[in-house]
Amino acid sequence: MGGILTLNLKGKTANAVYQAACSLSNSPGIPIDTRRIPLTPDGLMIASLVLPGIFANFTGALDGNAAATAAINIPAVPQLTGLSFFAGFVELGAGAPSGISAISNDHPITIVP
């Protein structure tokens, strides 16, 4: 129980700034201009944005291959077993529509013992 879950991020633009997040649902998502971020604003999303001790490297810059590694430090709490949630990230770009140049797919995650 407990451990580190590594998230390998693969974006579109080398050296782009990214922001990752998690949420308990991917529907209906967050509408951004004509696009949709496939995560839902909830308590887990807020936690993933403000708790870097648990959600490590959720903000950063992609490398020269448009890749990065983030991690979730899952506490050893038995009540978390079976919890399912979604992870995703956006690439930020000053000249992009709504400041977001790319949106990742959502990735479902379930905590197992």
C-alpha atoms as a PDB file:
ATOM      1  CA  MET A   1       0.000   0.000   0.000  1.00  0.00           C
ATOM      2  CA  GLY A   2       1.279   3.404  -0.886  1.00  0.00           C
ATOM      3  CA  GLY A   3       4.059   4.210  -3.291  1.00  0.00           C
ATOM      4  CA  ILE A   4       5.017   6.445  -6.171  1.00  0.00           C
ATOM      5  CA  LEU A   5       3.077   6.445  -9.429  1.00  0.00           C
ATOM      6  CA  THR A   6       5.157   7.874 -12.262  1.00  0.00           C
ATOM      7  CA  LEU A   7       3.381   9.739 -15.058  1.00  0.00           C
ATOM      8  CA  ASN A   8       5.302   9.999 -18.322  1.00  0.00           C
ATOM      9  CA  LEU A   9       4.056  13.100 -20.111  1.00  0.00           C
ATOM     10  CA  LYS A  10       4.481  13.364 -23.879  1.00  0.00           C
ATOM     11  CA  GLY A  11       3.498  16.712 -25.327  1.00  0.00           C
ATOM     12  CA  LYS A  12       3.652  18.321 -28.731  1.00  0.00           C
ATOM     13  CA  THR A  13       6.094  21.202 -28.319  1.00  0.00           C
ATOM     14  CA  ALA A  14       9.673  20.946 -27.075  1.00  0.00           C
ATOM     15  CA  ASN A  15      10.387  23.097 -24.007  1.00  0.00           C
ATOM     16  CA  ALA A  16       6.727  24.112 -23.578  1.00  0.00           C
ATOM     17  CA  VAL A  17       5.500  24.911 -20.084  1.00  0.00           C
ATOM     18  CA  TYR A  18       2.933  22.392 -18.845  1.00  0.00           C
ATOM     19  CA  GLN A  19       0.411  22.073 -16.028  1.00  0.00           C
ATOM     20  CA  ALA A  20      -0.835  18.626 -15.012  1.00  0.00           C
ATOM     21  CA  ALA A  21      -3.846  17.890 -12.845  1.00  0.00           C
ATOM     22  CA  CYS A  22      -6.045  15.045 -11.584  1.00  0.00           C
ATOM     23  CA  SER A  23      -9.787  14.840 -11.041  1.00  0.00           C
ATOM     24  CA  LEU A  24     -12.336  12.264  -9.967  1.00  0.00           C
ATOM     25  CA  SER A  25     -14.245  12.564 -13.253  1.00  0.00           C
ATOM     26  CA  ASN A  26     -13.528  13.335 -16.874  1.00  0.00           C
ATOM     27  CA  SER A  27     -17.066  14.398 -17.721  1.00  0.00           C
ATOM     28  CA  PRO A  28     -18.271  16.917 -18.654  1.00  0.00           C
ATOM     29  CA  GLY A  29     -14.752  18.363 -18.622  1.00  0.00           C
ATOM     30  CA  ILE A  30     -13.691  21.983 -18.685  1.00  0.00           C
ATOM     31  CA  PRO A  31     -14.675  23.927 -21.803  1.00  0.00           C
ATOM     32  CA  ILE A  32     -11.849  26.101 -23.148  1.00  0.00           C
ATOM     33  CA  ASP A  33     -12.750  28.117 -26.268  1.00  0.00           C
ATOM     34  CA  THR A  34     -13.850  25.416 -28.765  1.00  0.00           C
ATOM     35  CA  ARG A  35     -11.934  22.653 -26.927  1.00  0.00           C
ATOM     36  CA  ARG A  36     -12.427  20.652 -23.742  1.00  0.00           C
ATOM     37  CA  ILE A  37      -9.960  19.692 -21.028  1.00  0.00           C
ATOM     38  CA  PRO A  38     -11.045  16.137 -20.095  1.00  0.00           C
ATOM     39  CA  LEU A  39     -10.974  16.727 -16.333  1.00  0.00           C
ATOM     40  CA  THR A  40     -13.624  18.108 -13.998  1.00  0.00           C
ATOM     41  CA  PRO A  41     -12.979  20.813 -11.377  1.00  0.00           C
ATOM     42  CA  ASP A  42     -13.260  19.118  -7.986  1.00  0.00           C
ATOM     43  CA  GLY A  43     -11.401  18.723  -4.711  1.00  0.00           C
ATOM     44  CA  LEU A  44      -8.856  16.316  -6.183  1.00  0.00           C
ATOM     45  CA  MET A  45      -8.060  18.809  -8.935  1.00  0.00           C
ATOM     46  CA  ILE A  46      -7.479  21.556  -6.393  1.00  0.00           C
ATOM     47  CA  ALA A  47      -5.242  19.230  -4.356  1.00  0.00           C
ATOM     48  CA  SER A  48      -3.242  18.260  -7.449  1.00  0.00           C
ATOM     49  CA  LEU A  49      -2.619  21.933  -8.181  1.00  0.00           C
ATOM     50  CA  VAL A  50      -1.548  22.985  -4.674  1.00  0.00           C
ATOM     51  CA  LEU A  51       0.069  19.957  -2.972  1.00  0.00           C
ATOM     52  CA  PRO A  52       3.494  19.482  -4.593  1.00  0.00           C
ATOM     53  CA  GLY A  53       4.511  17.023  -1.881  1.00  0.00           C
ATOM     54  CA  ILE A  54       1.938  14.551  -3.157  1.00  0.00           C
ATOM     55  CA  PHE A  55       1.669  15.676  -6.787  1.00  0.00           C
ATOM     56  CA  ALA A  56       5.313  16.149  -7.781  1.00  0.00           C
ATOM     57  CA  ASN A  57       6.395  17.979 -10.935  1.00  0.00           C
ATOM     58  CA  PHE A  58       2.813  18.729 -11.955  1.00  0.00           C
ATOM     59  CA  THR A  59       4.111  22.103 -13.191  1.00  0.00           C
ATOM     60  CA  GLY A  60       7.233  22.438 -15.278  1.00  0.00           C
ATOM     61  CA  ALA A  61       8.694  22.534 -18.753  1.00  0.00           C
ATOM     62  CA  LEU A  62       8.806  19.714 -21.259  1.00  0.00           C
ATOM     63  CA  ASP A  63      12.294  18.744 -22.383  1.00  0.00           C
ATOM     64  CA  GLY A  64      13.743  18.998 -25.894  1.00  0.00           C
ATOM     65  CA  ASN A  65      11.753  15.885 -26.877  1.00  0.00           C
ATOM     66  CA  ALA A  66       8.494  17.406 -25.542  1.00  0.00           C
ATOM     67  CA  ALA A  67       8.520  14.958 -22.618  1.00  0.00           C
ATOM     68  CA  ALA A  68       8.467  15.242 -18.829  1.00  0.00           C
ATOM     69  CA  THR A  69       7.936  13.056 -15.781  1.00  0.00           C
ATOM     70  CA  ALA A  70       5.484  13.834 -12.999  1.00  0.00           C
ATOM     71  CA  ALA A  71       4.662  11.661 -10.001  1.00  0.00           C
ATOM     72  CA  ILE A  72       1.914  11.018  -7.505  1.00  0.00           C
ATOM     73  CA  ASN A  73       3.108  10.035  -4.035  1.00  0.00           C
ATOM     74  CA  ILE A  74       0.258   7.798  -2.944  1.00  0.00           C
ATOM     75  CA  PRO A  75      -0.023   7.654   0.838  1.00  0.00           C
ATOM     76  CA  ALA A  76      -0.255   4.262   2.568  1.00  0.00           C
ATOM     77  CA  VAL A  77      -3.931   4.672   3.419  1.00  0.00           C
ATOM     78  CA  PRO A  78      -6.021   1.494   2.930  1.00  0.00           C
ATOM     79  CA  GLN A  79      -9.169   3.547   2.248  1.00  0.00           C
ATOM     80  CA  LEU A  80      -7.611   4.731  -1.043  1.00  0.00           C
ATOM     81  CA  THR A  81      -7.626   1.193  -2.480  1.00  0.00           C
ATOM     82  CA  GLY A  82     -10.065   1.049  -5.384  1.00  0.00           C
ATOM     83  CA  LEU A  83     -10.167   4.814  -5.866  1.00  0.00           C
ATOM     84  CA  SER A  84     -10.315   5.689  -9.560  1.00  0.00           C
ATOM     85  CA  PHE A  85      -9.451   9.091 -10.987  1.00  0.00           C
ATOM     86  CA  PHE A  86      -8.122  10.749 -14.118  1.00  0.00           C
ATOM     87  CA  ALA A  87      -4.886  12.575 -14.916  1.00  0.00           C
ATOM     88  CA  GLY A  88      -4.067  14.925 -17.766  1.00  0.00           C
ATOM     89  CA  PHE A  89      -2.077  18.015 -18.670  1.00  0.00           C
ATOM     90  CA  VAL A  90      -2.074  21.096 -20.839  1.00  0.00           C
ATOM     91  CA  GLU A  91       0.749  22.851 -22.640  1.00  0.00           C
ATOM     92  CA  LEU A  92       0.744  26.590 -22.148  1.00  0.00           C
ATOM     93  CA  GLY A  93       1.588  29.028 -24.917  1.00  0.00           C
ATOM     94  CA  ALA A  94       1.310  32.824 -24.836  1.00  0.00           C
ATOM     95  CA  GLY A  95       0.150  33.086 -28.462  1.00  0.00           C
ATOM     96  CA  ALA A  96      -2.184  30.082 -28.325  1.00  0.00           C
ATOM     97  CA  PRO A  97      -5.982  30.338 -28.062  1.00  0.00           C
ATOM     98  CA  SER A  98      -6.878  30.813 -24.380  1.00  0.00           C
ATOM     99  CA  GLY A  99      -3.156  30.480 -23.604  1.00  0.00           C
ATOM    100  CA  ILE A 100      -3.309  26.703 -24.086  1.00  0.00           C
ATOM    101  CA  SER A 101      -1.434  25.286 -27.066  1.00  0.00           C
ATOM    102  CA  ALA A 102      -2.232  21.585 -26.497  1.00  0.00           C
ATOM    103  CA  ILE A 103      -4.460  19.422 -24.301  1.00  0.00           C
ATOM    104  CA  SER A 104      -3.570  15.825 -23.425  1.00  0.00           C
ATOM    105  CA  ASN A 105      -5.968  12.932 -23.339  1.00  0.00           C
ATOM    106  CA  ASP A 106      -7.292  11.898 -19.953  1.00  0.00           C
ATOM    107  CA  HIS A 107      -5.621   8.873 -18.393  1.00  0.00           C
ATOM    108  CA  PRO A 108      -7.654   6.708 -16.005  1.00  0.00           C
ATOM    109  CA  ILE A 109      -5.890   5.498 -12.857  1.00  0.00           C
ATOM    110  CA  THR A 110      -7.112   3.093 -10.169  1.00  0.00           C
ATOM    111  CA  ILE A 111      -5.242   2.583  -6.898  1.00  0.00           C
ATOM    112  CA  VAL A 112      -4.673  -1.095  -6.194  1.00  0.00           C
ATOM    113  CA  PRO A 113      -3.255  -2.767  -3.076  1.00  0.00           C
END
